[in-house]
Each structure stands twice: as structure tokens, then as C-alpha cells.
Amino acid sequence: MIPAKDATKFVQIVQKFDPQSVLVRAWKLEGGVSAQVTALEIEQADGQTKKLLVRQHGEGDRTQNPQIAADEFKLLDRLHSAGLLVPAPYYLDQSCEIFPIPYIVIEYIEGASVFALDAVPDLIPQLAAQLARIHELDGSQQNFSFLPQQEKIYADKLGTSPARLDDSLDEGRIRDVLEAAGPLPQRNKSVLLHGDFWPGNILWRDGRLAGVIDWEDSRFGDPLGDLANSRLETLWAFGRDAMQRFTQCYLAKNDIDITLLPYWDLYAALKPALRLAEWAGDAVVEKRWREEHRWFIERAFAVTNVN
């Protein structure tokens, strides 16, 4: 339940962006780590009820980008207008009058995340097609210049040595290979990247992909960055065959140069360093993820050779 003092704030939010509606209930959504998300149910002037989400970005994201609320709102507006399956953005408040940080109000998409292939028989092709659709957007027309550049993020991560390496995930060896390769030449045109396209950010309803959520990590750059991250996440969620099929289905939709994919795979494999146990949640899942991570990076190590 939402504490009474916070419930009052959500009443104020509804009054601010839709004065003709009243708040029926509010509840916190669990599971998010990068943002605090609260669901609202409102009753509109015509008596119809509607669900919304209030997103407040976490301190880490706000430190990296103080304009992240405005940027995500702008991005969702452009993606929704382009026909992508994303939450419609309704309201941006940067006044800090109700909460001490900016927030956005967006559509509540009915659906659930799926982590079992038998739940959706054609899940993998739908996932791949949706990622390809995101990458097909005309960046010049949609104007995503306000997003961070993947190239800079890549360079900053490799240019900053962590205080402690995750030896259990072979972080040092991965960094050595990537640093020796130097800046990777970009052989594909820059596209919009979701930044965290994994099953937890995909909603399904009645066997169909209903929405892609959590766009705060979006950036602009080589599609291999998204593809590699999604390959590792698909491996963890659905297994090796599913990862291979996901890759094949994506490439059938988006013909790109994958010469440097092994390097992007290694870069993606740095993401869980020192956080894998927390992400996995229990020892059984962690053990399996570590085994799959090892398989994933060894395949990349075997073919890394920049030409």
C-alpha cells in the first residue's frame, strides 16, 4: 500500500495533469532498480477508469543525465508517434513541487514479462522483429540527437579501470582483449538503441508482444551494441538454441555487418561484473548464469580479431 502522505502527492499529480479526473488507488510496482514506479488508477470525467504509471528515475541515472526525465518523455513521444509499442507519454513535471525530483506520467500497458518459451510459441521471432523495428527507425527524421552516443559510453567504460575486477567473470581478460583492439571501427550506420532490451523489459498479452518499456538507457550508435546485450540476456532467459535463433531472426530482418559482433559480445559480458549474484537472486540461477556467461565469452574469445 502507498503511505497516506504519498497518496496525497499522487492525488496532486492527477489534479495537475488531468483536473477532471480523480485518483481511485495507487500502488508501487516492484522489481525496478533504476526507477521508482507507481501505478495509478484514475476515474475520468466520463466515469471510465484508466491506469497510468508515475516514473521517478533513480539517483544513478539522474547523476549521469540530469535531464533524463525530459529525455525519456521526449523519446517516448517520438517512438509512440512512430507507431512503436511503447507507453504513451502523458505528462512531464520538472517543477519539483510535489516530489523533490522530476517525474513523468506514462501509459500503463496491460501485460506481463515472460521467461518460458512454452508460454509464447513464437516468442523469439517476435522479440527479434521488435528489436529490428527499433533499429530501422530513421534517426535523422526522428531526431535522436539528444541521446548519449554509444561510442562515448563504450570508450568511457573501457577507459575507466574499476577499483576491483570481477575475476569470477574473467573481467580482466575481457578488458584486455577490448583495450588491445582499441576503438572499434563502426561498420553499420548509427541507430536508436534501446540499451537494455531483455525479457524483463518486454510485456506480452495473449501471446503477442504488447509493449517495450524502460527506455532510460537509450542511446544512439551501432546496432551491434543492442544485439550483443540481447543475445546474452536471451541466453540467460531461454538457453543457447534460443540465443542462436534470436540472432538469426534478427539478421533476417536487419542485414547488418556482424564482423565485430564478438567484441560487442565481450563488451556486453562486462555488464554483470560484480552484480551477477544480485541479478540472479538465488544460487541455482546464479550457477547457471555463470556457466552460460563462460560459454558466451569463450565463443567470443575464439574469434576476436580486428581486421
C-alpha atoms as a PDB file:
ATOM      1  CA  MET A   1       0.000   0.000   0.000  1.00  0.00           C
ATOM      2  CA  ILE A   2       1.060   3.585  -0.601  1.00  0.00           C
ATOM      3  CA  PRO A   3       1.521   5.575   2.660  1.00  0.00           C
ATOM      4  CA  ALA A   4      -1.123   8.242   3.205  1.00  0.00           C
ATOM      5  CA  LYS A   5       1.355  11.138   2.820  1.00  0.00           C
ATOM      6  CA  ASP A   6       2.486   9.775  -0.556  1.00  0.00           C
ATOM      7  CA  ALA A   7      -1.097   9.051  -1.637  1.00  0.00           C
ATOM      8  CA  THR A   8      -1.804  12.740  -1.186  1.00  0.00           C
ATOM      9  CA  LYS A   9       1.042  13.543  -3.549  1.00  0.00           C
ATOM     10  CA  PHE A  10      -0.387  11.260  -6.226  1.00  0.00           C
ATOM     11  CA  VAL A  11      -3.754  12.958  -5.823  1.00  0.00           C
ATOM     12  CA  GLN A  12      -1.930  16.223  -6.536  1.00  0.00           C
ATOM     13  CA  ILE A  13      -0.271  14.716  -9.594  1.00  0.00           C
ATOM     14  CA  VAL A  14      -3.627  13.675 -11.053  1.00  0.00           C
ATOM     15  CA  GLN A  15      -5.078  17.115 -10.369  1.00  0.00           C
ATOM     16  CA  LYS A  16      -2.080  18.686 -12.071  1.00  0.00           C
ATOM     17  CA  PHE A  17      -2.202  16.854 -15.404  1.00  0.00           C
ATOM     18  CA  ASP A  18      -5.916  15.888 -15.552  1.00  0.00           C
ATOM     19  CA  PRO A  19      -8.029  18.110 -13.269  1.00  0.00           C
ATOM     20  CA  GLN A  20     -11.267  16.408 -14.362  1.00  0.00           C
ATOM     21  CA  SER A  21     -10.152  13.003 -13.047  1.00  0.00           C
ATOM     22  CA  VAL A  22      -9.863  11.636  -9.507  1.00  0.00           C
ATOM     23  CA  LEU A  23      -7.437   9.111  -8.053  1.00  0.00           C
ATOM     24  CA  VAL A  24      -9.031   5.762  -7.224  1.00  0.00           C
ATOM     25  CA  ARG A  25      -5.955   3.930  -5.970  1.00  0.00           C
ATOM     26  CA  ALA A  26      -2.160   3.909  -6.164  1.00  0.00           C
ATOM     27  CA  TRP A  27       0.288   1.063  -5.710  1.00  0.00           C
ATOM     28  CA  LYS A  28       4.031   0.661  -6.048  1.00  0.00           C
ATOM     29  CA  LEU A  29       5.324  -1.692  -8.747  1.00  0.00           C
ATOM     30  CA  GLU A  30       8.083  -3.986  -7.510  1.00  0.00           C
ATOM     31  CA  GLY A  31      11.121  -5.180  -9.419  1.00  0.00           C
ATOM     32  CA  GLY A  32      12.536  -1.944 -10.789  1.00  0.00           C
ATOM     33  CA  VAL A  33      16.065  -0.979  -9.787  1.00  0.00           C
ATOM     34  CA  SER A  34      16.719   2.074 -11.951  1.00  0.00           C
ATOM     35  CA  ALA A  35      13.471   3.923 -11.236  1.00  0.00           C
ATOM     36  CA  GLN A  36      10.664   4.091  -8.707  1.00  0.00           C
ATOM     37  CA  VAL A  37       7.432   3.241 -10.498  1.00  0.00           C
ATOM     38  CA  THR A  38       3.965   3.771  -9.057  1.00  0.00           C
ATOM     39  CA  ALA A  39       0.762   2.650 -10.763  1.00  0.00           C
ATOM     40  CA  LEU A  40      -2.298   4.846 -10.567  1.00  0.00           C
ATOM     41  CA  GLU A  41      -5.922   4.089 -11.338  1.00  0.00           C
ATOM     42  CA  ILE A  42      -7.982   7.170 -12.052  1.00  0.00           C
ATOM     43  CA  GLU A  43     -11.652   7.773 -12.764  1.00  0.00           C
ATOM     44  CA  GLN A  44     -12.191  10.157 -15.631  1.00  0.00           C
ATOM     45  CA  ALA A  45     -14.982  12.697 -16.012  1.00  0.00           C
ATOM     46  CA  ASP A  46     -16.999  10.276 -18.170  1.00  0.00           C
ATOM     47  CA  GLY A  47     -16.848   7.609 -15.445  1.00  0.00           C
ATOM     48  CA  GLN A  48     -14.313   5.450 -17.263  1.00  0.00           C
ATOM     49  CA  THR A  49     -11.281   4.218 -15.319  1.00  0.00           C
ATOM     50  CA  LYS A  50      -7.745   4.350 -16.625  1.00  0.00           C
ATOM     51  CA  LYS A  51      -4.369   3.116 -15.374  1.00  0.00           C
ATOM     52  CA  LEU A  52      -1.187   5.186 -15.520  1.00  0.00           C
ATOM     53  CA  LEU A  53       2.397   4.945 -14.317  1.00  0.00           C
ATOM     54  CA  VAL A  54       4.444   7.555 -12.498  1.00  0.00           C
ATOM     55  CA  ARG A  55       8.179   7.106 -13.103  1.00  0.00           C
ATOM     56  CA  GLN A  56      10.815   8.708 -10.886  1.00  0.00           C
ATOM     57  CA  HIS A  57      14.329   7.985 -12.088  1.00  0.00           C
ATOM     58  CA  GLY A  58      16.969   6.723  -9.698  1.00  0.00           C
ATOM     59  CA  GLU A  59      19.903   8.723  -8.397  1.00  0.00           C
ATOM     60  CA  GLY A  60      22.413   6.939 -10.615  1.00  0.00           C
ATOM     61  CA  ASP A  61      20.548   7.790 -13.805  1.00  0.00           C
ATOM     62  CA  ARG A  62      19.952  11.381 -12.684  1.00  0.00           C
ATOM     63  CA  THR A  63      23.641  11.830 -11.909  1.00  0.00           C
ATOM     64  CA  GLN A  64      24.648  10.606 -15.351  1.00  0.00           C
ATOM     65  CA  ASN A  65      21.959  12.694 -17.039  1.00  0.00           C
ATOM     66  CA  PRO A  66      20.170  15.407 -15.020  1.00  0.00           C
ATOM     67  CA  GLN A  67      17.680  15.739 -17.903  1.00  0.00           C
ATOM     68  CA  ILE A  68      16.797  12.052 -18.025  1.00  0.00           C
ATOM     69  CA  ALA A  69      13.100  12.553 -17.221  1.00  0.00           C
ATOM     70  CA  ALA A  70      12.698  15.109 -20.015  1.00  0.00           C
ATOM     71  CA  ASP A  71      14.757  12.995 -22.403  1.00  0.00           C
ATOM     72  CA  GLU A  72      12.752   9.818 -21.773  1.00  0.00           C
ATOM     73  CA  PHE A  73       9.489  11.733 -22.128  1.00  0.00           C
ATOM     74  CA  LYS A  74      10.658  13.228 -25.441  1.00  0.00           C
ATOM     75  CA  LEU A  75      11.861   9.836 -26.672  1.00  0.00           C
ATOM     76  CA  LEU A  76       8.593   8.075 -25.792  1.00  0.00           C
ATOM     77  CA  ASP A  77       6.646  10.808 -27.540  1.00  0.00           C
ATOM     78  CA  ARG A  78       8.595  10.281 -30.753  1.00  0.00           C
ATOM     79  CA  LEU A  79       8.532   6.498 -30.569  1.00  0.00           C
ATOM     80  CA  HIS A  80       4.804   6.381 -29.847  1.00  0.00           C
ATOM     81  CA  SER A  81       4.166   8.760 -32.748  1.00  0.00           C
ATOM     82  CA  ALA A  82       6.216   6.435 -34.970  1.00  0.00           C
ATOM     83  CA  GLY A  83       3.921   3.534 -34.091  1.00  0.00           C
ATOM     84  CA  LEU A  84       6.232   1.564 -31.815  1.00  0.00           C
ATOM     85  CA  LEU A  85       4.774  -0.500 -28.979  1.00  0.00           C
ATOM     86  CA  VAL A  86       5.846   1.829 -26.184  1.00  0.00           C
ATOM     87  CA  PRO A  87       3.946   3.554 -23.364  1.00  0.00           C
ATOM     88  CA  ALA A  88       2.292   6.792 -24.456  1.00  0.00           C
ATOM     89  CA  PRO A  89       3.748   9.734 -22.512  1.00  0.00           C
ATOM     90  CA  TYR A  90       1.140  11.940 -20.818  1.00  0.00           C
ATOM     91  CA  TYR A  91       2.855  14.428 -18.544  1.00  0.00           C
ATOM     92  CA  LEU A  92       6.319  15.697 -17.569  1.00  0.00           C
ATOM     93  CA  ASP A  93       6.801  17.628 -14.327  1.00  0.00           C
ATOM     94  CA  GLN A  94      10.193  19.182 -13.667  1.00  0.00           C
ATOM     95  CA  SER A  95       8.956  21.724 -11.134  1.00  0.00           C
ATOM     96  CA  CYS A  96       9.871  19.536  -8.100  1.00  0.00           C
ATOM     97  CA  GLU A  97       6.833  20.970  -6.326  1.00  0.00           C
ATOM     98  CA  ILE A  98       5.299  17.594  -5.450  1.00  0.00           C
ATOM     99  CA  PHE A  99       8.378  15.365  -5.352  1.00  0.00           C
ATOM    100  CA  PRO A 100      11.962  16.605  -4.955  1.00  0.00           C
ATOM    101  CA  ILE A 101      12.877  15.150  -8.359  1.00  0.00           C
ATOM    102  CA  PRO A 102      11.237  15.331 -11.801  1.00  0.00           C
ATOM    103  CA  TYR A 103       8.782  12.614 -12.813  1.00  0.00           C
ATOM    104  CA  ILE A 104       6.876  11.516 -15.878  1.00  0.00           C
ATOM    105  CA  VAL A 105       3.364  10.102 -16.197  1.00  0.00           C
ATOM    106  CA  ILE A 106       3.006   7.456 -18.886  1.00  0.00           C
ATOM    107  CA  GLU A 107       0.596   4.817 -20.129  1.00  0.00           C
ATOM    108  CA  TYR A 108       0.110   1.598 -18.169  1.00  0.00           C
ATOM    109  CA  ILE A 109       0.405  -1.238 -20.687  1.00  0.00           C
ATOM    110  CA  GLU A 110      -1.506  -4.350 -19.663  1.00  0.00           C
ATOM    111  CA  GLY A 111       0.739  -7.394 -19.971  1.00  0.00           C
ATOM    112  CA  ALA A 112       3.394  -9.478 -18.262  1.00  0.00           C
ATOM    113  CA  SER A 113       7.016 -10.400 -18.787  1.00  0.00           C
ATOM    114  CA  VAL A 114       7.599 -13.959 -19.992  1.00  0.00           C
ATOM    115  CA  PHE A 115      10.580 -16.172 -19.164  1.00  0.00           C
ATOM    116  CA  ALA A 116       9.371 -19.505 -20.569  1.00  0.00           C
ATOM    117  CA  LEU A 117       9.382 -20.317 -24.270  1.00  0.00           C
ATOM    118  CA  ASP A 118       6.346 -22.568 -23.994  1.00  0.00           C
ATOM    119  CA  ALA A 119       4.299 -19.583 -22.770  1.00  0.00           C
ATOM    120  CA  VAL A 120       4.585 -17.946 -26.205  1.00  0.00           C
ATOM    121  CA  PRO A 121       5.357 -20.412 -29.034  1.00  0.00           C
ATOM    122  CA  ASP A 122       6.731 -17.742 -31.395  1.00  0.00           C
ATOM    123  CA  LEU A 123       8.310 -15.543 -28.728  1.00  0.00           C
ATOM    124  CA  ILE A 124      11.821 -15.461 -30.222  1.00  0.00           C
ATOM    125  CA  PRO A 125      10.812 -14.240 -33.722  1.00  0.00           C
ATOM    126  CA  GLN A 126       8.631 -11.553 -32.171  1.00  0.00           C
ATOM    127  CA  LEU A 127      11.487 -10.376 -29.937  1.00  0.00           C
ATOM    128  CA  ALA A 128      13.902 -10.248 -32.847  1.00  0.00           C
ATOM    129  CA  ALA A 129      11.439  -8.471 -35.115  1.00  0.00           C
ATOM    130  CA  GLN A 130      10.752  -5.833 -32.476  1.00  0.00           C
ATOM    131  CA  LEU A 131      14.441  -5.085 -31.949  1.00  0.00           C
ATOM    132  CA  ALA A 132      14.947  -4.842 -35.708  1.00  0.00           C
ATOM    133  CA  ARG A 133      11.953  -2.484 -35.911  1.00  0.00           C
ATOM    134  CA  ILE A 134      13.537  -0.201 -33.313  1.00  0.00           C
ATOM    135  CA  HIS A 135      16.794  -0.168 -35.258  1.00  0.00           C
ATOM    136  CA  GLU A 136      15.006   0.612 -38.525  1.00  0.00           C
ATOM    137  CA  LEU A 137      13.720   3.972 -37.314  1.00  0.00           C
ATOM    138  CA  ASP A 138      15.013   6.887 -39.335  1.00  0.00           C
ATOM    139  CA  GLY A 139      17.248   8.598 -36.792  1.00  0.00           C
ATOM    140  CA  SER A 140      17.612  11.746 -38.838  1.00  0.00           C
ATOM    141  CA  GLN A 141      13.855  12.114 -39.237  1.00  0.00           C
ATOM    142  CA  GLN A 142      13.013  11.328 -35.626  1.00  0.00           C
ATOM    143  CA  ASN A 143      15.968  13.415 -34.372  1.00  0.00           C
ATOM    144  CA  PHE A 144      17.527  11.433 -31.553  1.00  0.00           C
ATOM    145  CA  SER A 145      20.471  13.822 -31.213  1.00  0.00           C
ATOM    146  CA  PHE A 146      19.644  14.453 -27.539  1.00  0.00           C
ATOM    147  CA  LEU A 147      20.514  10.835 -26.671  1.00  0.00           C
ATOM    148  CA  PRO A 148      24.013   9.865 -25.481  1.00  0.00           C
ATOM    149  CA  GLN A 149      26.380   8.371 -28.051  1.00  0.00           C
ATOM    150  CA  GLN A 150      27.167   4.656 -27.674  1.00  0.00           C
ATOM    151  CA  GLU A 151      30.734   5.302 -28.855  1.00  0.00           C
ATOM    152  CA  LYS A 152      31.425   7.603 -25.904  1.00  0.00           C
ATOM    153  CA  ILE A 153      29.807   5.243 -23.394  1.00  0.00           C
ATOM    154  CA  TYR A 154      31.954   2.393 -24.748  1.00  0.00           C
ATOM    155  CA  ALA A 155      35.141   4.466 -24.509  1.00  0.00           C
ATOM    156  CA  ASP A 156      34.348   5.727 -21.013  1.00  0.00           C
ATOM    157  CA  LYS A 157      33.703   2.217 -19.684  1.00  0.00           C
ATOM    158  CA  LEU A 158      36.937   0.835 -21.067  1.00  0.00           C
ATOM    159  CA  GLY A 159      38.900   3.954 -20.198  1.00  0.00           C
ATOM    160  CA  THR A 160      37.979   3.752 -16.523  1.00  0.00           C
ATOM    161  CA  SER A 161      39.608   0.957 -14.557  1.00  0.00           C
ATOM    162  CA  PRO A 162      37.324  -0.319 -11.774  1.00  0.00           C
ATOM    163  CA  ALA A 163      38.674  -0.441  -8.240  1.00  0.00           C
ATOM    164  CA  ARG A 164      38.099  -4.201  -8.243  1.00  0.00           C
ATOM    165  CA  LEU A 165      37.795  -6.618 -11.132  1.00  0.00           C
ATOM    166  CA  ASP A 166      35.304  -9.477 -11.141  1.00  0.00           C
ATOM    167  CA  ASP A 167      37.709 -12.374 -11.653  1.00  0.00           C
ATOM    168  CA  SER A 168      34.834 -14.862 -11.447  1.00  0.00           C
ATOM    169  CA  LEU A 169      33.532 -13.482 -14.768  1.00  0.00           C
ATOM    170  CA  ASP A 170      37.013 -13.053 -16.276  1.00  0.00           C
ATOM    171  CA  GLU A 171      36.581  -9.298 -16.364  1.00  0.00           C
ATOM    172  CA  GLY A 172      40.302  -8.628 -16.585  1.00  0.00           C
ATOM    173  CA  ARG A 173      40.747 -10.854 -19.632  1.00  0.00           C
ATOM    174  CA  ILE A 174      37.715  -9.304 -21.344  1.00  0.00           C
ATOM    175  CA  ARG A 175      39.040  -5.802 -20.753  1.00  0.00           C
ATOM    176  CA  ASP A 176      42.499  -6.771 -22.006  1.00  0.00           C
ATOM    177  CA  VAL A 177      41.069  -8.009 -25.313  1.00  0.00           C
ATOM    178  CA  LEU A 178      38.837  -4.964 -25.793  1.00  0.00           C
ATOM    179  CA  GLU A 179      41.548  -2.480 -24.828  1.00  0.00           C
ATOM    180  CA  ALA A 180      44.044  -4.159 -27.170  1.00  0.00           C
ATOM    181  CA  ALA A 181      41.547  -3.860 -30.003  1.00  0.00           C
ATOM    182  CA  GLY A 182      41.246  -0.116 -29.416  1.00  0.00           C
ATOM    183  CA  PRO A 183      38.282   1.934 -30.677  1.00  0.00           C
ATOM    184  CA  LEU A 184      36.173  -0.380 -32.792  1.00  0.00           C
ATOM    185  CA  PRO A 185      35.556   0.799 -36.332  1.00  0.00           C
ATOM    186  CA  GLN A 186      31.839   1.271 -36.934  1.00  0.00           C
ATOM    187  CA  ARG A 187      30.676  -0.651 -39.993  1.00  0.00           C
ATOM    188  CA  ASN A 188      26.967  -0.024 -39.537  1.00  0.00           C
ATOM    189  CA  LYS A 189      25.045   3.222 -39.533  1.00  0.00           C
ATOM    190  CA  SER A 190      24.134   4.612 -36.125  1.00  0.00           C
ATOM    191  CA  VAL A 191      20.612   3.793 -34.990  1.00  0.00           C
ATOM    192  CA  LEU A 192      18.407   4.229 -31.966  1.00  0.00           C
ATOM    193  CA  LEU A 193      19.385   1.652 -29.312  1.00  0.00           C
ATOM    194  CA  HIS A 194      17.067   0.606 -26.502  1.00  0.00           C
ATOM    195  CA  GLY A 195      20.087  -0.044 -24.305  1.00  0.00           C
ATOM    196  CA  ASP A 196      18.533  -2.786 -22.168  1.00  0.00           C
ATOM    197  CA  PHE A 197      16.417  -4.946 -24.461  1.00  0.00           C
ATOM    198  CA  TRP A 198      15.853  -8.043 -22.321  1.00  0.00           C
ATOM    199  CA  PRO A 199      12.785 -10.168 -21.403  1.00  0.00           C
ATOM    200  CA  GLY A 200      12.118  -8.170 -18.232  1.00  0.00           C
ATOM    201  CA  ASN A 201      11.509  -5.054 -20.331  1.00  0.00           C
ATOM    202  CA  ILE A 202       9.100  -6.757 -22.733  1.00  0.00           C
ATOM    203  CA  LEU A 203       5.382  -7.112 -21.973  1.00  0.00           C
ATOM    204  CA  TRP A 204       3.191  -9.824 -23.510  1.00  0.00           C
ATOM    205  CA  ARG A 205      -0.565 -10.209 -23.731  1.00  0.00           C
ATOM    206  CA  ASP A 206      -2.467 -13.120 -25.290  1.00  0.00           C
ATOM    207  CA  GLY A 207       0.679 -14.487 -26.912  1.00  0.00           C
ATOM    208  CA  ARG A 208       1.603 -11.213 -28.610  1.00  0.00           C
ATOM    209  CA  LEU A 209       4.249  -8.654 -27.763  1.00  0.00           C
ATOM    210  CA  ALA A 210       2.319  -5.782 -26.182  1.00  0.00           C
ATOM    211  CA  GLY A 211       4.985  -3.272 -25.202  1.00  0.00           C
ATOM    212  CA  VAL A 212       8.651  -2.399 -24.785  1.00  0.00           C
ATOM    213  CA  ILE A 213       9.296  -0.489 -21.572  1.00  0.00           C
ATOM    214  CA  ASP A 214      12.098   1.177 -19.568  1.00  0.00           C
ATOM    215  CA  TRP A 215      13.855   3.366 -22.135  1.00  0.00           C
ATOM    216  CA  GLU A 216      16.125   5.256 -19.726  1.00  0.00           C
ATOM    217  CA  ASP A 217      19.262   3.537 -21.087  1.00  0.00           C
ATOM    218  CA  SER A 218      18.563   4.511 -24.702  1.00  0.00           C
ATOM    219  CA  ARG A 219      21.427   5.773 -26.807  1.00  0.00           C
ATOM    220  CA  PHE A 220      22.480   6.262 -30.413  1.00  0.00           C
ATOM    221  CA  GLY A 221      25.074   4.049 -32.070  1.00  0.00           C
ATOM    222  CA  ASP A 222      25.989   0.737 -33.686  1.00  0.00           C
ATOM    223  CA  PRO A 223      23.101  -1.783 -33.604  1.00  0.00           C
ATOM    224  CA  LEU A 224      25.638  -4.434 -32.564  1.00  0.00           C
ATOM    225  CA  GLY A 225      25.560  -2.926 -29.081  1.00  0.00           C
ATOM    226  CA  ASP A 226      21.875  -3.783 -28.617  1.00  0.00           C
ATOM    227  CA  LEU A 227      22.171  -7.105 -30.424  1.00  0.00           C
ATOM    228  CA  ALA A 228      25.030  -8.327 -28.228  1.00  0.00           C
ATOM    229  CA  ASN A 229      23.292  -7.362 -24.995  1.00  0.00           C
ATOM    230  CA  SER A 230      20.082  -9.054 -26.119  1.00  0.00           C
ATOM    231  CA  ARG A 231      21.995 -12.188 -27.120  1.00  0.00           C
ATOM    232  CA  LEU A 232      23.390 -12.582 -23.596  1.00  0.00           C
ATOM    233  CA  GLU A 233      20.033 -11.847 -21.968  1.00  0.00           C
ATOM    234  CA  THR A 234      18.270 -14.302 -24.302  1.00  0.00           C
ATOM    235  CA  LEU A 235      20.877 -16.915 -23.448  1.00  0.00           C
ATOM    236  CA  TRP A 236      20.236 -16.488 -19.734  1.00  0.00           C
ATOM    237  CA  ALA A 237      16.458 -16.437 -20.083  1.00  0.00           C
ATOM    238  CA  PHE A 238      15.856 -19.120 -22.719  1.00  0.00           C
ATOM    239  CA  GLY A 239      19.078 -21.028 -23.444  1.00  0.00           C
ATOM    240  CA  ARG A 240      21.679 -21.422 -26.177  1.00  0.00           C
ATOM    241  CA  ASP A 241      19.431 -22.556 -29.008  1.00  0.00           C
ATOM    242  CA  ALA A 242      17.105 -19.626 -28.344  1.00  0.00           C
ATOM    243  CA  MET A 243      20.026 -17.188 -28.436  1.00  0.00           C
ATOM    244  CA  GLN A 244      21.159 -18.552 -31.788  1.00  0.00           C
ATOM    245  CA  ARG A 245      17.636 -18.406 -33.193  1.00  0.00           C
ATOM    246  CA  PHE A 246      17.143 -14.879 -31.891  1.00  0.00           C
ATOM    247  CA  THR A 247      20.322 -13.800 -33.696  1.00  0.00           C
ATOM    248  CA  GLN A 248      19.275 -15.485 -36.935  1.00  0.00           C
ATOM    249  CA  CYS A 249      15.777 -13.994 -36.817  1.00  0.00           C
ATOM    250  CA  TYR A 250      17.154 -10.529 -36.129  1.00  0.00           C
ATOM    251  CA  LEU A 251      19.655 -10.726 -39.010  1.00  0.00           C
ATOM    252  CA  ALA A 252      16.912 -11.913 -41.339  1.00  0.00           C
ATOM    253  CA  LYS A 253      15.076  -8.663 -40.545  1.00  0.00           C
ATOM    254  CA  ASN A 254      18.081  -6.345 -40.427  1.00  0.00           C
ATOM    255  CA  ASP A 255      21.022  -7.052 -42.727  1.00  0.00           C
ATOM    256  CA  ILE A 256      23.995  -5.552 -40.873  1.00  0.00           C
ATOM    257  CA  ASP A 257      27.737  -6.199 -40.748  1.00  0.00           C
ATOM    258  CA  ILE A 258      28.403  -8.552 -37.811  1.00  0.00           C
ATOM    259  CA  THR A 259      32.187  -8.821 -38.230  1.00  0.00           C
ATOM    260  CA  LEU A 260      32.728  -7.107 -34.882  1.00  0.00           C
ATOM    261  CA  LEU A 261      29.888  -8.828 -33.015  1.00  0.00           C
ATOM    262  CA  PRO A 262      32.305 -10.932 -30.901  1.00  0.00           C
ATOM    263  CA  TYR A 263      33.792  -7.729 -29.470  1.00  0.00           C
ATOM    264  CA  TRP A 264      30.378  -6.341 -28.690  1.00  0.00           C
ATOM    265  CA  ASP A 265      29.528  -9.701 -27.070  1.00  0.00           C
ATOM    266  CA  LEU A 266      32.543  -9.239 -24.794  1.00  0.00           C
ATOM    267  CA  TYR A 267      31.504  -5.676 -24.034  1.00  0.00           C
ATOM    268  CA  ALA A 268      28.003  -6.896 -23.115  1.00  0.00           C
ATOM    269  CA  ALA A 269      29.589  -9.548 -20.900  1.00  0.00           C
ATOM    270  CA  LEU A 270      31.148  -6.794 -18.752  1.00  0.00           C
ATOM    271  CA  LYS A 271      27.722  -5.531 -17.683  1.00  0.00           C
ATOM    272  CA  PRO A 272      27.074  -8.076 -14.892  1.00  0.00           C
ATOM    273  CA  ALA A 273      30.551  -7.690 -13.346  1.00  0.00           C
ATOM    274  CA  LEU A 274      30.249  -7.727  -9.531  1.00  0.00           C
ATOM    275  CA  ARG A 275      26.437  -7.759  -9.861  1.00  0.00           C
ATOM    276  CA  LEU A 276      25.608 -11.218 -11.150  1.00  0.00           C
ATOM    277  CA  ALA A 277      24.681 -12.701  -7.771  1.00  0.00           C
ATOM    278  CA  GLU A 278      22.338  -9.781  -7.079  1.00  0.00           C
ATOM    279  CA  TRP A 279      20.741 -10.049 -10.504  1.00  0.00           C
ATOM    280  CA  ALA A 280      20.315 -13.827 -10.320  1.00  0.00           C
ATOM    281  CA  GLY A 281      18.574 -13.761  -6.956  1.00  0.00           C
ATOM    282  CA  ASP A 282      19.338 -17.333  -5.947  1.00  0.00           C
ATOM    283  CA  ALA A 283      22.259 -19.763  -6.072  1.00  0.00           C
ATOM    284  CA  VAL A 284      20.759 -22.123  -8.649  1.00  0.00           C
ATOM    285  CA  VAL A 285      20.116 -19.362 -11.192  1.00  0.00           C
ATOM    286  CA  GLU A 286      23.478 -17.777 -10.459  1.00  0.00           C
ATOM    287  CA  LYS A 287      25.315 -21.044 -11.122  1.00  0.00           C
ATOM    288  CA  ARG A 288      23.547 -21.493 -14.456  1.00  0.00           C
ATOM    289  CA  TRP A 289      24.148 -17.901 -15.484  1.00  0.00           C
ATOM    290  CA  ARG A 290      27.843 -18.171 -14.681  1.00  0.00           C
ATOM    291  CA  GLU A 291      28.130 -21.303 -16.821  1.00  0.00           C
ATOM    292  CA  GLU A 292      26.345 -19.624 -19.720  1.00  0.00           C
ATOM    293  CA  HIS A 293      28.427 -16.463 -19.342  1.00  0.00           C
ATOM    294  CA  ARG A 294      31.575 -18.574 -19.558  1.00  0.00           C
ATOM    295  CA  TRP A 295      30.291 -20.293 -22.723  1.00  0.00           C
ATOM    296  CA  PHE A 296      29.321 -16.917 -24.197  1.00  0.00           C
ATOM    297  CA  ILE A 297      32.704 -15.241 -23.690  1.00  0.00           C
ATOM    298  CA  GLU A 298      34.773 -18.266 -24.726  1.00  0.00           C
ATOM    299  CA  ARG A 299      32.983 -18.263 -28.081  1.00  0.00           C
ATOM    300  CA  ALA A 300      33.848 -14.590 -28.471  1.00  0.00           C
ATOM    301  CA  PHE A 301      37.462 -15.026 -27.384  1.00  0.00           C
ATOM    302  CA  ALA A 302      37.912 -17.726 -30.028  1.00  0.00           C
ATOM    303  CA  VAL A 303      37.148 -15.379 -32.925  1.00  0.00           C
ATOM    304  CA  THR A 304      38.181 -11.891 -31.786  1.00  0.00           C
ATOM    305  CA  ASN A 305      40.476 -10.490 -34.438  1.00  0.00           C
ATOM    306  CA  VAL A 306      40.030  -6.950 -35.684  1.00  0.00           C
ATOM    307  CA  ASN A 307      40.783  -6.531 -39.383  1.00  0.00           C
END
